[in-house]
Every structure is written in C-alpha cells, then in structure tokens.
C-alpha cells in the first residue's frame, strides 16, 4: 500500500490527468461518450491540487451502458436509478429539515414497494424534488470519461480511484460544498458523493502507471 505522501502525489497526478481530458456539461452530446468506461464528476467551486476537484468516481456493470448511466444521473428523473441523484436529494432535504426525507429514502423500484408505500409517497412533491435535483446537477456538475471496455478492469480501477481520492488529505471539500448538508457522515467527511470504498487500498505507483498506460491506448 502506498504511503501518505505517495497517495497525495498519485492523487495529484490523477487530477491532472482528468482535468486535461475533454469536459462535458449539460446539455452534452451523448454520441461523443464511449459505450464503456469510467467517469469522474467535477462540481463548481470545488478545488483540489490547484485543479478542479473530483467529487465522484463511477462506472457501470452492464456492457455498453456508460451513456445510459450518465442519462440516469443528468436527465432521467428517477432517484432510484441513480444513487448520485438520491444523495443530492438527501442533502437538499436535510439542509432544509424537510420531513419528506424519510419518503425520499424509499426504494420504489419494485411494484411491491410502490404498493407498500403508496399512501406515504406524495408523487407531486417527489417530482418537484426530482426537478430541483436535476437543476442542481445540470447547473453545477461537469464530467470527464475514459474508455475501458473490460468490466473487471473498470471495477478494479474505479475502486482504486475512489480509494486514492478518499485517502488523500489534499482533496478536502470547500466550506461551501453542498455535500456538507448530507445526512451521511462518510459523504460529509470524505468530500465525495460516495459512501463505499473510501478506505480501501489506493493506487501504488506501479498500479497507477499501469492504469495510465491502459487508458492512454
């Protein structure tokens, strides 16, 4: 495992690499995105390593689903298809002490749950919150992507990227970062819109070199 100083340097290199890639903002051309890969999100006002700070790393499990994944974050208004959207909504509701946070946490993907919670869910209010979440995401987030076809490689490098950023002491959130309103401690403390994988093993220098060579091909 890399030591603390190495993690900081590798994380700086990681930020430098992604900051130099083409940047996508809404509205973006879906056809310009690869079918398979890893994305990183940037958020207005967030800086790390004197660059735009990465605030989320993500990928997809099904083949050829990267474009679909980005639509689920930016366009499709269904928080149960995007944990990122769900977490933005949680921060929004928690910040204003909105009691509807409890219902927002429900997973309404299955018919069983839709029937179970139908008397608790205010569908008009929920759509209004989805609209607010969409505006926040479209107005304040941008992203870059890398092409990685192989699923196992995507999962491996996604985990390494999350762990590297999560273990870096130079990637602190700004005082005004919206994620500080999140009810989730790991989001507030990490400065990332992520809950899992933050304390796993980060890149070693050899692993990072292999990653860079792979994604530059």
C-alpha atoms as a PDB file:
ATOM      1  CA  UNK A   1       0.000   0.000   0.000  1.00  0.00           C
ATOM      2  CA  UNK A   2       1.277   3.473  -0.880  1.00  0.00           C
ATOM      3  CA  UNK A   3       2.357   5.744   1.978  1.00  0.00           C
ATOM      4  CA  UNK A   4       0.600   9.021   2.736  1.00  0.00           C
ATOM      5  CA  UNK A   5       2.901  11.220   0.651  1.00  0.00           C
ATOM      6  CA  UNK A   6       2.705   8.844  -2.304  1.00  0.00           C
ATOM      7  CA  UNK A   7      -1.085   8.848  -2.127  1.00  0.00           C
ATOM      8  CA  UNK A   8      -1.103  12.657  -2.257  1.00  0.00           C
ATOM      9  CA  UNK A   9       1.236  12.687  -5.271  1.00  0.00           C
ATOM     10  CA  UNK A  10      -0.667   9.964  -7.110  1.00  0.00           C
ATOM     11  CA  UNK A  11      -3.944  11.733  -6.411  1.00  0.00           C
ATOM     12  CA  UNK A  12      -2.440  14.939  -7.800  1.00  0.00           C
ATOM     13  CA  UNK A  13      -1.411  13.082 -10.958  1.00  0.00           C
ATOM     14  CA  UNK A  14      -4.881  11.571 -11.200  1.00  0.00           C
ATOM     15  CA  UNK A  15      -6.468  15.027 -11.002  1.00  0.00           C
ATOM     16  CA  UNK A  16      -4.028  16.401 -13.551  1.00  0.00           C
ATOM     17  CA  UNK A  17      -4.854  13.592 -15.963  1.00  0.00           C
ATOM     18  CA  UNK A  18      -8.630  14.006 -15.736  1.00  0.00           C
ATOM     19  CA  UNK A  19      -8.533  17.803 -15.751  1.00  0.00           C
ATOM     20  CA  UNK A  20      -6.787  17.664 -19.141  1.00  0.00           C
ATOM     21  CA  UNK A  21      -9.459  15.459 -20.715  1.00  0.00           C
ATOM     22  CA  UNK A  22     -12.412  16.860 -22.690  1.00  0.00           C
ATOM     23  CA  UNK A  23     -15.057  18.155 -20.277  1.00  0.00           C
ATOM     24  CA  UNK A  24     -18.763  17.515 -20.697  1.00  0.00           C
ATOM     25  CA  UNK A  25     -21.502  19.753 -19.344  1.00  0.00           C
ATOM     26  CA  UNK A  26     -25.243  19.633 -19.780  1.00  0.00           C
ATOM     27  CA  UNK A  27     -26.501  19.645 -22.468  1.00  0.00           C
ATOM     28  CA  UNK A  28     -23.871  17.272 -23.842  1.00  0.00           C
ATOM     29  CA  UNK A  29     -23.781  15.132 -26.983  1.00  0.00           C
ATOM     30  CA  UNK A  30     -24.409  11.573 -25.834  1.00  0.00           C
ATOM     31  CA  UNK A  31     -22.826  10.194 -29.008  1.00  0.00           C
ATOM     32  CA  UNK A  32     -19.448  11.626 -28.006  1.00  0.00           C
ATOM     33  CA  UNK A  33     -19.275   9.358 -24.941  1.00  0.00           C
ATOM     34  CA  UNK A  34     -17.736   5.889 -25.121  1.00  0.00           C
ATOM     35  CA  UNK A  35     -20.009   2.907 -24.588  1.00  0.00           C
ATOM     36  CA  UNK A  36     -17.887   1.562 -21.739  1.00  0.00           C
ATOM     37  CA  UNK A  37     -15.693   3.310 -19.221  1.00  0.00           C
ATOM     38  CA  UNK A  38     -15.236   5.261 -16.019  1.00  0.00           C
ATOM     39  CA  UNK A  39     -16.470   8.803 -15.393  1.00  0.00           C
ATOM     40  CA  UNK A  40     -15.426  11.432 -12.881  1.00  0.00           C
ATOM     41  CA  UNK A  41     -17.642  14.317 -11.760  1.00  0.00           C
ATOM     42  CA  UNK A  42     -16.473  17.835 -11.008  1.00  0.00           C
ATOM     43  CA  UNK A  43     -18.521  20.395  -9.073  1.00  0.00           C
ATOM     44  CA  UNK A  44     -18.425  24.162  -9.467  1.00  0.00           C
ATOM     45  CA  UNK A  45     -16.297  25.847  -6.805  1.00  0.00           C
ATOM     46  CA  UNK A  46     -14.518  22.682  -5.673  1.00  0.00           C
ATOM     47  CA  UNK A  47     -10.728  22.653  -5.979  1.00  0.00           C
ATOM     48  CA  UNK A  48      -8.041  20.100  -5.155  1.00  0.00           C
ATOM     49  CA  UNK A  49      -4.332  20.015  -6.047  1.00  0.00           C
ATOM     50  CA  UNK A  50      -4.843  23.522  -7.537  1.00  0.00           C
ATOM     51  CA  UNK A  51      -7.219  21.952 -10.074  1.00  0.00           C
ATOM     52  CA  UNK A  52     -10.922  21.196 -10.360  1.00  0.00           C
ATOM     53  CA  UNK A  53     -11.562  18.634  -7.634  1.00  0.00           C
ATOM     54  CA  UNK A  54     -13.023  15.227  -8.459  1.00  0.00           C
ATOM     55  CA  UNK A  55     -16.146  14.800  -6.323  1.00  0.00           C
ATOM     56  CA  UNK A  56     -17.368  11.435  -7.600  1.00  0.00           C
ATOM     57  CA  UNK A  57     -15.993   8.431  -9.488  1.00  0.00           C
ATOM     58  CA  UNK A  58     -18.343   5.987 -11.155  1.00  0.00           C
ATOM     59  CA  UNK A  59     -18.727   3.285 -13.743  1.00  0.00           C
ATOM     60  CA  UNK A  60     -21.306   0.714 -14.851  1.00  0.00           C
ATOM     61  CA  UNK A  61     -21.673  -3.064 -14.568  1.00  0.00           C
ATOM     62  CA  UNK A  62     -23.533  -3.903 -17.790  1.00  0.00           C
ATOM     63  CA  UNK A  63     -21.637  -3.721 -21.064  1.00  0.00           C
ATOM     64  CA  UNK A  64     -22.235  -0.682 -23.277  1.00  0.00           C
ATOM     65  CA  UNK A  65     -24.136   1.133 -20.513  1.00  0.00           C
ATOM     66  CA  UNK A  66     -21.979   4.206 -19.828  1.00  0.00           C
ATOM     67  CA  UNK A  67     -24.188   6.522 -21.884  1.00  0.00           C
ATOM     68  CA  UNK A  68     -27.265   5.169 -20.131  1.00  0.00           C
ATOM     69  CA  UNK A  69     -25.592   5.717 -16.761  1.00  0.00           C
ATOM     70  CA  UNK A  70     -24.912   9.364 -17.482  1.00  0.00           C
ATOM     71  CA  UNK A  71     -28.504   9.870 -18.627  1.00  0.00           C
ATOM     72  CA  UNK A  72     -29.669   8.356 -15.324  1.00  0.00           C
ATOM     73  CA  UNK A  73     -27.617  10.962 -13.470  1.00  0.00           C
ATOM     74  CA  UNK A  74     -28.297  14.056 -15.589  1.00  0.00           C
ATOM     75  CA  UNK A  75     -31.571  13.504 -17.414  1.00  0.00           C
ATOM     76  CA  UNK A  76     -33.782  10.691 -16.173  1.00  0.00           C
ATOM     77  CA  UNK A  77     -35.654  11.958 -13.124  1.00  0.00           C
ATOM     78  CA  UNK A  78     -35.733   8.790 -11.027  1.00  0.00           C
ATOM     79  CA  UNK A  79     -33.628   8.795  -7.868  1.00  0.00           C
ATOM     80  CA  UNK A  80     -33.983   5.024  -7.548  1.00  0.00           C
ATOM     81  CA  UNK A  81     -31.958   4.576 -10.755  1.00  0.00           C
ATOM     82  CA  UNK A  82     -29.131   6.842  -9.597  1.00  0.00           C
ATOM     83  CA  UNK A  83     -27.695   6.782  -6.086  1.00  0.00           C
ATOM     84  CA  UNK A  84     -25.973  10.040  -7.002  1.00  0.00           C
ATOM     85  CA  UNK A  85     -29.336  11.724  -7.609  1.00  0.00           C
ATOM     86  CA  UNK A  86     -30.657  10.168  -4.419  1.00  0.00           C
ATOM     87  CA  UNK A  87     -27.772  11.569  -2.379  1.00  0.00           C
ATOM     88  CA  UNK A  88     -28.171  15.045  -3.884  1.00  0.00           C
ATOM     89  CA  UNK A  89     -31.844  14.915  -2.907  1.00  0.00           C
ATOM     90  CA  UNK A  90     -30.981  13.770   0.609  1.00  0.00           C
ATOM     91  CA  UNK A  91     -28.645  16.730   1.077  1.00  0.00           C
ATOM     92  CA  UNK A  92     -31.273  19.093  -0.323  1.00  0.00           C
ATOM     93  CA  UNK A  93     -33.970  17.844   2.054  1.00  0.00           C
ATOM     94  CA  UNK A  94     -31.673  17.526   5.081  1.00  0.00           C
ATOM     95  CA  UNK A  95     -30.441  21.101   4.612  1.00  0.00           C
ATOM     96  CA  UNK A  96     -33.942  22.465   4.990  1.00  0.00           C
ATOM     97  CA  UNK A  97     -35.047  19.956   7.636  1.00  0.00           C
ATOM     98  CA  UNK A  98     -37.708  18.603   5.305  1.00  0.00           C
ATOM     99  CA  UNK A  99     -39.612  15.687   6.827  1.00  0.00           C
ATOM    100  CA  UNK A 100     -40.095  14.185   3.371  1.00  0.00           C
ATOM    101  CA  UNK A 101     -36.505  12.879   3.627  1.00  0.00           C
ATOM    102  CA  UNK A 102     -37.933   9.669   5.072  1.00  0.00           C
ATOM    103  CA  UNK A 103     -40.048   9.001   1.983  1.00  0.00           C
ATOM    104  CA  UNK A 104     -37.234  10.064  -0.343  1.00  0.00           C
ATOM    105  CA  UNK A 105     -35.175   7.224   1.112  1.00  0.00           C
ATOM    106  CA  UNK A 106     -37.694   4.617  -0.006  1.00  0.00           C
ATOM    107  CA  UNK A 107     -36.670   2.463  -2.966  1.00  0.00           C
ATOM    108  CA  UNK A 108     -39.710   2.399  -5.215  1.00  0.00           C
ATOM    109  CA  UNK A 109     -38.173   0.306  -7.987  1.00  0.00           C
ATOM    110  CA  UNK A 110     -40.262  -2.777  -7.278  1.00  0.00           C
ATOM    111  CA  UNK A 111     -44.036  -2.952  -7.635  1.00  0.00           C
ATOM    112  CA  UNK A 112     -44.170  -4.436  -4.147  1.00  0.00           C
ATOM    113  CA  UNK A 113     -42.622  -1.317  -2.627  1.00  0.00           C
ATOM    114  CA  UNK A 114     -44.722   1.036  -4.742  1.00  0.00           C
ATOM    115  CA  UNK A 115     -47.828  -0.656  -3.349  1.00  0.00           C
ATOM    116  CA  UNK A 116     -46.405  -0.782   0.174  1.00  0.00           C
ATOM    117  CA  UNK A 117     -45.569   2.941   0.301  1.00  0.00           C
ATOM    118  CA  UNK A 118     -48.273   4.358  -1.971  1.00  0.00           C
ATOM    119  CA  UNK A 119     -50.134   6.037   0.898  1.00  0.00           C
ATOM    120  CA  UNK A 120     -46.950   7.720   2.136  1.00  0.00           C
ATOM    121  CA  UNK A 121     -45.468   8.967  -1.109  1.00  0.00           C
ATOM    122  CA  UNK A 122     -46.550  12.386  -2.356  1.00  0.00           C
ATOM    123  CA  UNK A 123     -45.878  11.894  -6.066  1.00  0.00           C
ATOM    124  CA  UNK A 124     -46.344  15.560  -6.937  1.00  0.00           C
ATOM    125  CA  UNK A 125     -43.894  16.630  -4.238  1.00  0.00           C
ATOM    126  CA  UNK A 126     -41.467  13.894  -5.215  1.00  0.00           C
ATOM    127  CA  UNK A 127     -41.451  15.074  -8.828  1.00  0.00           C
ATOM    128  CA  UNK A 128     -40.823  18.615  -7.619  1.00  0.00           C
ATOM    129  CA  UNK A 129     -37.776  17.390  -5.676  1.00  0.00           C
ATOM    130  CA  UNK A 130     -36.574  15.471  -8.737  1.00  0.00           C
ATOM    131  CA  UNK A 131     -36.796  18.731 -10.701  1.00  0.00           C
ATOM    132  CA  UNK A 132     -34.708  20.527  -8.082  1.00  0.00           C
ATOM    133  CA  UNK A 133     -32.122  17.729  -8.137  1.00  0.00           C
ATOM    134  CA  UNK A 134     -31.925  17.927 -11.933  1.00  0.00           C
ATOM    135  CA  UNK A 135     -31.328  21.669 -11.805  1.00  0.00           C
ATOM    136  CA  UNK A 136     -28.532  21.296  -9.250  1.00  0.00           C
ATOM    137  CA  UNK A 137     -26.817  18.568 -11.276  1.00  0.00           C
ATOM    138  CA  UNK A 138     -27.176  20.298 -14.645  1.00  0.00           C
ATOM    139  CA  UNK A 139     -26.085  23.699 -13.326  1.00  0.00           C
ATOM    140  CA  UNK A 140     -23.173  22.728 -11.090  1.00  0.00           C
ATOM    141  CA  UNK A 141     -21.653  19.430 -12.281  1.00  0.00           C
ATOM    142  CA  UNK A 142     -19.469  18.514 -15.236  1.00  0.00           C
ATOM    143  CA  UNK A 143     -17.689  15.281 -16.085  1.00  0.00           C
ATOM    144  CA  UNK A 144     -14.881  13.595 -17.984  1.00  0.00           C
ATOM    145  CA  UNK A 145     -14.733   9.982 -19.127  1.00  0.00           C
ATOM    146  CA  UNK A 146     -12.186   7.347 -20.092  1.00  0.00           C
ATOM    147  CA  UNK A 147     -12.847   4.322 -22.261  1.00  0.00           C
ATOM    148  CA  UNK A 148     -12.309   0.920 -20.616  1.00  0.00           C
ATOM    149  CA  UNK A 149     -14.054  -1.965 -22.351  1.00  0.00           C
ATOM    150  CA  UNK A 150     -13.346  -4.777 -19.904  1.00  0.00           C
ATOM    151  CA  UNK A 151     -15.767  -4.949 -16.969  1.00  0.00           C
ATOM    152  CA  UNK A 152     -13.258  -6.356 -14.476  1.00  0.00           C
ATOM    153  CA  UNK A 153     -10.763  -3.627 -15.342  1.00  0.00           C
ATOM    154  CA  UNK A 154     -13.441  -0.945 -14.924  1.00  0.00           C
ATOM    155  CA  UNK A 155     -14.398  -2.235 -11.488  1.00  0.00           C
ATOM    156  CA  UNK A 156     -10.754  -2.541 -10.425  1.00  0.00           C
ATOM    157  CA  UNK A 157      -9.731   0.949 -11.484  1.00  0.00           C
ATOM    158  CA  UNK A 158     -12.914   2.570 -10.212  1.00  0.00           C
ATOM    159  CA  UNK A 159     -12.166   1.158  -6.746  1.00  0.00           C
ATOM    160  CA  UNK A 160      -8.532   2.280  -6.890  1.00  0.00           C
ATOM    161  CA  UNK A 161      -9.502   5.796  -7.945  1.00  0.00           C
ATOM    162  CA  UNK A 162     -12.095   6.116  -5.177  1.00  0.00           C
ATOM    163  CA  UNK A 163      -9.662   4.833  -2.554  1.00  0.00           C
ATOM    164  CA  UNK A 164      -6.859   7.120  -3.740  1.00  0.00           C
ATOM    165  CA  UNK A 165      -9.009  10.248  -3.617  1.00  0.00           C
ATOM    166  CA  UNK A 166     -10.689   9.112  -0.398  1.00  0.00           C
ATOM    167  CA  UNK A 167      -7.306   8.682   1.311  1.00  0.00           C
ATOM    168  CA  UNK A 168      -5.818  11.965   0.060  1.00  0.00           C
ATOM    169  CA  UNK A 169      -5.543  14.778   2.587  1.00  0.00           C
ATOM    170  CA  UNK A 170      -5.249  17.397  -0.180  1.00  0.00           C
ATOM    171  CA  UNK A 171      -8.744  16.766  -1.557  1.00  0.00           C
ATOM    172  CA  UNK A 172     -10.741  18.453   1.152  1.00  0.00           C
ATOM    173  CA  UNK A 173     -14.126  19.937   0.397  1.00  0.00           C
ATOM    174  CA  UNK A 174     -14.605  23.690   0.451  1.00  0.00           C
ATOM    175  CA  UNK A 175     -16.514  25.311   3.304  1.00  0.00           C
ATOM    176  CA  UNK A 176     -19.484  25.824   0.982  1.00  0.00           C
ATOM    177  CA  UNK A 177     -19.543  22.341  -0.532  1.00  0.00           C
ATOM    178  CA  UNK A 178     -23.146  21.223  -0.926  1.00  0.00           C
ATOM    179  CA  UNK A 179     -22.288  17.707   0.261  1.00  0.00           C
ATOM    180  CA  UNK A 180     -21.762  19.048   3.777  1.00  0.00           C
ATOM    181  CA  UNK A 181     -25.556  19.127   4.032  1.00  0.00           C
ATOM    182  CA  UNK A 182     -25.700  15.358   3.522  1.00  0.00           C
ATOM    183  CA  UNK A 183     -27.099  13.253   6.378  1.00  0.00           C
ATOM    184  CA  UNK A 184     -24.386  10.680   5.558  1.00  0.00           C
ATOM    185  CA  UNK A 185     -21.190  11.091   7.607  1.00  0.00           C
ATOM    186  CA  UNK A 186     -18.970   9.422   5.025  1.00  0.00           C
ATOM    187  CA  UNK A 187     -20.095  11.864   2.321  1.00  0.00           C
ATOM    188  CA  UNK A 188     -19.619  14.916   4.560  1.00  0.00           C
ATOM    189  CA  UNK A 189     -16.230  13.785   5.809  1.00  0.00           C
ATOM    190  CA  UNK A 190     -14.765  12.489   2.542  1.00  0.00           C
ATOM    191  CA  UNK A 191     -15.783  15.377   0.317  1.00  0.00           C
ATOM    192  CA  UNK A 192     -17.051  12.844  -2.202  1.00  0.00           C
ATOM    193  CA  UNK A 193     -20.561  11.950  -3.312  1.00  0.00           C
ATOM    194  CA  UNK A 194     -19.766   8.352  -2.406  1.00  0.00           C
ATOM    195  CA  UNK A 195     -20.342   6.094   0.578  1.00  0.00           C
ATOM    196  CA  UNK A 196     -18.410   2.919  -0.247  1.00  0.00           C
ATOM    197  CA  UNK A 197     -14.778   2.070  -0.942  1.00  0.00           C
ATOM    198  CA  UNK A 198     -13.322   5.214   0.581  1.00  0.00           C
ATOM    199  CA  UNK A 199     -10.850   3.448   2.863  1.00  0.00           C
ATOM    200  CA  UNK A 200      -9.730   0.602   0.637  1.00  0.00           C
ATOM    201  CA  UNK A 201      -6.188   0.289  -0.721  1.00  0.00           C
ATOM    202  CA  UNK A 202      -5.290   3.211  -3.025  1.00  0.00           C
ATOM    203  CA  UNK A 203      -3.098   3.028  -6.126  1.00  0.00           C
ATOM    204  CA  UNK A 204       0.528   2.091  -5.714  1.00  0.00           C
ATOM    205  CA  UNK A 205       2.894   3.803  -8.161  1.00  0.00           C
ATOM    206  CA  UNK A 206       3.145   0.614 -10.253  1.00  0.00           C
ATOM    207  CA  UNK A 207      -0.647   0.228 -10.372  1.00  0.00           C
ATOM    208  CA  UNK A 208      -1.122   3.868 -11.283  1.00  0.00           C
ATOM    209  CA  UNK A 209       1.462   3.629 -14.088  1.00  0.00           C
ATOM    210  CA  UNK A 210      -0.334   0.574 -15.480  1.00  0.00           C
ATOM    211  CA  UNK A 211      -3.648   2.412 -15.297  1.00  0.00           C
ATOM    212  CA  UNK A 212      -2.329   5.450 -17.161  1.00  0.00           C
ATOM    213  CA  UNK A 213      -0.768   3.298 -19.872  1.00  0.00           C
ATOM    214  CA  UNK A 214      -4.003   1.358 -20.296  1.00  0.00           C
ATOM    215  CA  UNK A 215      -6.288   4.338 -20.638  1.00  0.00           C
ATOM    216  CA  UNK A 216      -3.913   6.189 -22.980  1.00  0.00           C
ATOM    217  CA  UNK A 217      -4.093   3.391 -25.550  1.00  0.00           C
END
